[in-house]
Amino acid sequence: MRFLDAVKNSPAWKFVLWLQRALLVLSSLFVVLIMCVTVLLRYVFKSDLFGMEEIVVIAAFWLYFMGSSYGVYDQSHVKADIIPQLLPPRGRALLAVVMDLTMAALCILFTVWAVDMVLYSIEWMPRTTGLRIPVFISQSSVLAGYALMSLYAVVHFFEGLFRFLSGAQQRTS
């Protein structure tokens, strides 16, 4: 447990969280700004900005995957969990560990697939149709998001496992 505390208090962990929050804020502002400019140009000035949809999609990808990974960090992702409410505290704790393990395993699997997807895109270099932006730029958000989700899910798994093994009260949410 001390190792996990050391990791979570490390400058690298804090920098990753800071960078993730910055990407969330910047991509949110960018999507809103671009959508406002697009609406203004289209409906007020009767003009269009070529390729704007491609740029918005890339920013939205980054926003979505950074937000998803932050939800895993914050453990605020959507869950439907009525079964734990029916179990005794020790059963709830065990189920939480199993769920954390499952989530970590799936996130790692999706990260591996995202690596393959990005490497394939870098190798073949497909581009968007309008602005010819390399597709790997948007696909990199999938990789970054799942890599962060994997990191956070593994940390949460080990925290839950150590709590379960020590007999401490497990989180109920």
C-alpha atoms as a PDB file:
ATOM      1  CA  MET A   1       0.000   0.000   0.000  1.00  0.00           C
ATOM      2  CA  ARG A   2       2.899   2.349   0.664  1.00  0.00           C
ATOM      3  CA  PHE A   3       4.072   1.814  -2.888  1.00  0.00           C
ATOM      4  CA  LEU A   4       0.679   2.918  -4.240  1.00  0.00           C
ATOM      5  CA  ASP A   5       0.715   5.963  -1.962  1.00  0.00           C
ATOM      6  CA  ALA A   6       4.198   6.814  -3.218  1.00  0.00           C
ATOM      7  CA  VAL A   7       3.025   6.479  -6.826  1.00  0.00           C
ATOM      8  CA  LYS A   8      -0.050   8.639  -6.241  1.00  0.00           C
ATOM      9  CA  ASN A   9       2.039  11.323  -4.513  1.00  0.00           C
ATOM     10  CA  SER A  10       4.788  11.302  -7.134  1.00  0.00           C
ATOM     11  CA  PRO A  11       5.450  14.306  -9.361  1.00  0.00           C
ATOM     12  CA  ALA A  12       4.827  12.134 -12.446  1.00  0.00           C
ATOM     13  CA  TRP A  13       1.322  11.157 -11.232  1.00  0.00           C
ATOM     14  CA  LYS A  14       0.517  14.780 -10.401  1.00  0.00           C
ATOM     15  CA  PHE A  15       1.824  15.940 -13.772  1.00  0.00           C
ATOM     16  CA  VAL A  16      -0.288  13.377 -15.638  1.00  0.00           C
ATOM     17  CA  LEU A  17      -3.381  14.533 -13.743  1.00  0.00           C
ATOM     18  CA  TRP A  18      -2.540  18.176 -14.419  1.00  0.00           C
ATOM     19  CA  LEU A  19      -2.004  17.457 -18.127  1.00  0.00           C
ATOM     20  CA  GLN A  20      -5.233  15.465 -18.290  1.00  0.00           C
ATOM     21  CA  ARG A  21      -7.212  18.286 -16.672  1.00  0.00           C
ATOM     22  CA  ALA A  22      -5.584  20.820 -18.994  1.00  0.00           C
ATOM     23  CA  LEU A  23      -6.513  18.726 -22.038  1.00  0.00           C
ATOM     24  CA  LEU A  24     -10.076  18.454 -20.731  1.00  0.00           C
ATOM     25  CA  VAL A  25     -10.420  22.205 -20.261  1.00  0.00           C
ATOM     26  CA  LEU A  26      -8.698  23.132 -23.524  1.00  0.00           C
ATOM     27  CA  SER A  27     -10.614  20.622 -25.640  1.00  0.00           C
ATOM     28  CA  SER A  28     -13.898  21.688 -24.025  1.00  0.00           C
ATOM     29  CA  LEU A  29     -13.205  25.343 -24.729  1.00  0.00           C
ATOM     30  CA  PHE A  30     -12.034  24.554 -28.240  1.00  0.00           C
ATOM     31  CA  VAL A  31     -15.146  22.526 -29.119  1.00  0.00           C
ATOM     32  CA  VAL A  32     -17.445  25.233 -27.766  1.00  0.00           C
ATOM     33  CA  LEU A  33     -15.491  28.004 -29.513  1.00  0.00           C
ATOM     34  CA  ILE A  34     -15.403  26.207 -32.858  1.00  0.00           C
ATOM     35  CA  MET A  35     -19.102  25.385 -32.686  1.00  0.00           C
ATOM     36  CA  CYS A  36     -19.902  29.038 -31.916  1.00  0.00           C
ATOM     37  CA  VAL A  37     -17.717  30.247 -34.790  1.00  0.00           C
ATOM     38  CA  THR A  38     -19.307  27.711 -37.135  1.00  0.00           C
ATOM     39  CA  VAL A  39     -22.829  28.780 -36.197  1.00  0.00           C
ATOM     40  CA  LEU A  40     -21.898  32.459 -36.452  1.00  0.00           C
ATOM     41  CA  LEU A  41     -20.308  32.004 -39.869  1.00  0.00           C
ATOM     42  CA  ARG A  42     -23.054  29.769 -41.214  1.00  0.00           C
ATOM     43  CA  TYR A  43     -26.165  31.583 -39.994  1.00  0.00           C
ATOM     44  CA  VAL A  44     -25.042  35.190 -39.603  1.00  0.00           C
ATOM     45  CA  PHE A  45     -22.470  35.630 -42.353  1.00  0.00           C
ATOM     46  CA  LYS A  46     -23.904  32.927 -44.683  1.00  0.00           C
ATOM     47  CA  SER A  47     -20.432  31.497 -45.073  1.00  0.00           C
ATOM     48  CA  ASP A  48     -18.712  28.277 -44.151  1.00  0.00           C
ATOM     49  CA  LEU A  49     -15.298  27.423 -42.802  1.00  0.00           C
ATOM     50  CA  PHE A  50     -13.967  24.490 -44.821  1.00  0.00           C
ATOM     51  CA  GLY A  51     -13.018  21.409 -42.801  1.00  0.00           C
ATOM     52  CA  MET A  52     -14.308  22.664 -39.477  1.00  0.00           C
ATOM     53  CA  GLU A  53     -16.209  19.413 -38.848  1.00  0.00           C
ATOM     54  CA  GLU A  54     -12.969  17.438 -39.086  1.00  0.00           C
ATOM     55  CA  ILE A  55     -11.288  19.645 -36.500  1.00  0.00           C
ATOM     56  CA  VAL A  56     -14.268  19.468 -34.131  1.00  0.00           C
ATOM     57  CA  VAL A  57     -14.324  15.673 -34.338  1.00  0.00           C
ATOM     58  CA  ILE A  58     -10.638  15.476 -33.387  1.00  0.00           C
ATOM     59  CA  ALA A  59     -11.123  17.828 -30.432  1.00  0.00           C
ATOM     60  CA  ALA A  60     -14.252  15.916 -29.393  1.00  0.00           C
ATOM     61  CA  PHE A  61     -12.311  12.625 -29.461  1.00  0.00           C
ATOM     62  CA  TRP A  62      -9.710  14.105 -27.107  1.00  0.00           C
ATOM     63  CA  LEU A  63     -12.418  15.566 -24.885  1.00  0.00           C
ATOM     64  CA  TYR A  64     -14.314  12.281 -24.706  1.00  0.00           C
ATOM     65  CA  PHE A  65     -11.351  10.020 -23.966  1.00  0.00           C
ATOM     66  CA  MET A  66      -9.716  12.390 -21.489  1.00  0.00           C
ATOM     67  CA  GLY A  67     -13.090  12.731 -19.756  1.00  0.00           C
ATOM     68  CA  SER A  68     -13.590   8.969 -19.711  1.00  0.00           C
ATOM     69  CA  SER A  69     -10.172   8.344 -18.248  1.00  0.00           C
ATOM     70  CA  TYR A  70     -10.678  11.075 -15.660  1.00  0.00           C
ATOM     71  CA  GLY A  71     -13.943   9.373 -14.707  1.00  0.00           C
ATOM     72  CA  VAL A  72     -11.997   6.167 -14.068  1.00  0.00           C
ATOM     73  CA  TYR A  73      -9.453   8.087 -11.982  1.00  0.00           C
ATOM     74  CA  ASP A  74     -12.196   9.793  -9.995  1.00  0.00           C
ATOM     75  CA  GLN A  75     -14.269   6.586  -9.872  1.00  0.00           C
ATOM     76  CA  SER A  76     -17.249   8.596 -11.059  1.00  0.00           C
ATOM     77  CA  HIS A  77     -17.962   6.540 -14.172  1.00  0.00           C
ATOM     78  CA  VAL A  78     -21.484   5.266 -14.662  1.00  0.00           C
ATOM     79  CA  LYS A  79     -22.340   2.015 -12.902  1.00  0.00           C
ATOM     80  CA  ALA A  80     -25.468  -0.021 -12.392  1.00  0.00           C
ATOM     81  CA  ASP A  81     -24.795  -1.920  -9.217  1.00  0.00           C
ATOM     82  CA  ILE A  82     -27.759  -3.305  -7.334  1.00  0.00           C
ATOM     83  CA  ILE A  83     -26.119  -6.654  -6.576  1.00  0.00           C
ATOM     84  CA  PRO A  84     -23.594  -5.226  -4.073  1.00  0.00           C
ATOM     85  CA  GLN A  85     -26.472  -3.837  -2.028  1.00  0.00           C
ATOM     86  CA  LEU A  86     -27.734  -7.389  -1.535  1.00  0.00           C
ATOM     87  CA  LEU A  87     -24.400  -8.725  -0.260  1.00  0.00           C
ATOM     88  CA  PRO A  88     -22.821  -8.591   3.188  1.00  0.00           C
ATOM     89  CA  PRO A  89     -19.860  -6.162   3.580  1.00  0.00           C
ATOM     90  CA  ARG A  90     -17.213  -8.849   2.972  1.00  0.00           C
ATOM     91  CA  GLY A  91     -19.044 -10.055  -0.167  1.00  0.00           C
ATOM     92  CA  ARG A  92     -19.298  -6.459  -1.388  1.00  0.00           C
ATOM     93  CA  ALA A  93     -15.579  -6.019  -0.872  1.00  0.00           C
ATOM     94  CA  LEU A  94     -14.791  -9.191  -2.823  1.00  0.00           C
ATOM     95  CA  LEU A  95     -17.159  -8.208  -5.632  1.00  0.00           C
ATOM     96  CA  ALA A  96     -15.531  -4.755  -5.825  1.00  0.00           C
ATOM     97  CA  VAL A  97     -12.106  -6.386  -6.211  1.00  0.00           C
ATOM     98  CA  VAL A  98     -13.409  -8.684  -8.956  1.00  0.00           C
ATOM     99  CA  MET A  99     -15.047  -5.741 -10.744  1.00  0.00           C
ATOM    100  CA  ASP A 100     -11.836  -3.688 -10.470  1.00  0.00           C
ATOM    101  CA  LEU A 101      -9.817  -6.610 -11.840  1.00  0.00           C
ATOM    102  CA  THR A 102     -12.240  -7.040 -14.734  1.00  0.00           C
ATOM    103  CA  MET A 103     -12.119  -3.342 -15.520  1.00  0.00           C
ATOM    104  CA  ALA A 104      -8.325  -3.264 -15.377  1.00  0.00           C
ATOM    105  CA  ALA A 105      -8.052  -6.321 -17.645  1.00  0.00           C
ATOM    106  CA  LEU A 106     -10.478  -4.867 -20.208  1.00  0.00           C
ATOM    107  CA  CYS A 107      -8.767  -1.474 -20.171  1.00  0.00           C
ATOM    108  CA  ILE A 108      -5.394  -3.136 -20.753  1.00  0.00           C
ATOM    109  CA  LEU A 109      -6.852  -5.192 -23.607  1.00  0.00           C
ATOM    110  CA  PHE A 110      -8.352  -2.061 -25.199  1.00  0.00           C
ATOM    111  CA  THR A 111      -5.026  -0.261 -24.747  1.00  0.00           C
ATOM    112  CA  VAL A 112      -3.233  -3.042 -26.634  1.00  0.00           C
ATOM    113  CA  TRP A 113      -5.805  -2.800 -29.423  1.00  0.00           C
ATOM    114  CA  ALA A 114      -5.428   0.996 -29.473  1.00  0.00           C
ATOM    115  CA  VAL A 115      -1.656   0.627 -29.844  1.00  0.00           C
ATOM    116  CA  ASP A 116      -2.213  -1.648 -32.837  1.00  0.00           C
ATOM    117  CA  MET A 117      -4.727   0.799 -34.325  1.00  0.00           C
ATOM    118  CA  VAL A 118      -2.398   3.793 -33.972  1.00  0.00           C
ATOM    119  CA  LEU A 119       0.613   1.881 -35.313  1.00  0.00           C
ATOM    120  CA  TYR A 120      -1.453   0.756 -38.299  1.00  0.00           C
ATOM    121  CA  SER A 121      -2.520   4.356 -38.930  1.00  0.00           C
ATOM    122  CA  ILE A 122       1.049   5.595 -38.678  1.00  0.00           C
ATOM    123  CA  GLU A 123       2.192   2.894 -41.084  1.00  0.00           C
ATOM    124  CA  TRP A 124      -0.499   3.495 -43.730  1.00  0.00           C
ATOM    125  CA  MET A 125      -1.086   7.188 -42.930  1.00  0.00           C
ATOM    126  CA  PRO A 126      -4.757   7.606 -43.872  1.00  0.00           C
ATOM    127  CA  ARG A 127      -5.930  11.212 -43.836  1.00  0.00           C
ATOM    128  CA  THR A 128      -9.211  13.034 -43.471  1.00  0.00           C
ATOM    129  CA  THR A 129     -10.946  13.893 -46.713  1.00  0.00           C
ATOM    130  CA  GLY A 130     -11.051  17.689 -46.406  1.00  0.00           C
ATOM    131  CA  LEU A 131      -8.018  19.018 -44.599  1.00  0.00           C
ATOM    132  CA  ARG A 132      -5.908  15.878 -45.042  1.00  0.00           C
ATOM    133  CA  ILE A 133      -5.233  15.614 -41.299  1.00  0.00           C
ATOM    134  CA  PRO A 134      -3.561  12.302 -40.386  1.00  0.00           C
ATOM    135  CA  VAL A 135      -6.115   9.988 -38.783  1.00  0.00           C
ATOM    136  CA  PHE A 136      -3.667   8.876 -36.101  1.00  0.00           C
ATOM    137  CA  ILE A 137      -4.090  12.270 -34.401  1.00  0.00           C
ATOM    138  CA  SER A 138      -7.661  11.479 -33.407  1.00  0.00           C
ATOM    139  CA  GLN A 139      -6.861   7.803 -32.843  1.00  0.00           C
ATOM    140  CA  SER A 140      -4.080   8.776 -30.442  1.00  0.00           C
ATOM    141  CA  SER A 141      -6.773  10.072 -28.106  1.00  0.00           C
ATOM    142  CA  VAL A 142      -8.168   6.536 -27.900  1.00  0.00           C
ATOM    143  CA  LEU A 143      -4.720   5.216 -27.009  1.00  0.00           C
ATOM    144  CA  ALA A 144      -4.020   7.957 -24.465  1.00  0.00           C
ATOM    145  CA  GLY A 145      -7.451   7.557 -22.902  1.00  0.00           C
ATOM    146  CA  TYR A 146      -7.268   3.796 -22.552  1.00  0.00           C
ATOM    147  CA  ALA A 147      -3.663   3.935 -21.314  1.00  0.00           C
ATOM    148  CA  LEU A 148      -4.747   6.314 -18.560  1.00  0.00           C
ATOM    149  CA  MET A 149      -7.836   4.207 -17.815  1.00  0.00           C
ATOM    150  CA  SER A 150      -5.574   1.159 -17.516  1.00  0.00           C
ATOM    151  CA  LEU A 151      -3.221   2.944 -15.142  1.00  0.00           C
ATOM    152  CA  TYR A 152      -6.028   4.172 -12.913  1.00  0.00           C
ATOM    153  CA  ALA A 153      -7.920   0.864 -13.022  1.00  0.00           C
ATOM    154  CA  VAL A 154      -4.809  -1.100 -12.018  1.00  0.00           C
ATOM    155  CA  VAL A 155      -4.130   1.285  -9.132  1.00  0.00           C
ATOM    156  CA  HIS A 156      -7.753   1.044  -7.967  1.00  0.00           C
ATOM    157  CA  PHE A 157      -7.612  -2.738  -8.250  1.00  0.00           C
ATOM    158  CA  PHE A 158      -4.538  -2.990  -6.034  1.00  0.00           C
ATOM    159  CA  GLU A 159      -5.957  -0.509  -3.536  1.00  0.00           C
ATOM    160  CA  GLY A 160      -9.151  -2.548  -3.307  1.00  0.00           C
ATOM    161  CA  LEU A 161      -7.253  -5.822  -3.139  1.00  0.00           C
ATOM    162  CA  PHE A 162      -5.029  -4.598  -0.307  1.00  0.00           C
ATOM    163  CA  ARG A 163      -8.076  -3.273   1.555  1.00  0.00           C
ATOM    164  CA  PHE A 164      -9.871  -6.601   1.067  1.00  0.00           C
ATOM    165  CA  LEU A 165      -6.879  -8.631   2.222  1.00  0.00           C
ATOM    166  CA  SER A 166      -6.375  -6.430   5.255  1.00  0.00           C
ATOM    167  CA  GLY A 167     -10.053  -6.746   6.134  1.00  0.00           C
ATOM    168  CA  ALA A 168     -10.670  -2.990   5.972  1.00  0.00           C
ATOM    169  CA  GLN A 169     -14.093  -1.694   4.989  1.00  0.00           C
ATOM    170  CA  GLN A 170     -14.366  -1.532   1.181  1.00  0.00           C
ATOM    171  CA  ARG A 171     -15.965   1.356  -0.674  1.00  0.00           C
ATOM    172  CA  THR A 172     -19.636   0.659  -1.299  1.00  0.00           C
ATOM    173  CA  SER A 173     -20.224   2.710  -4.404  1.00  0.00           C
END
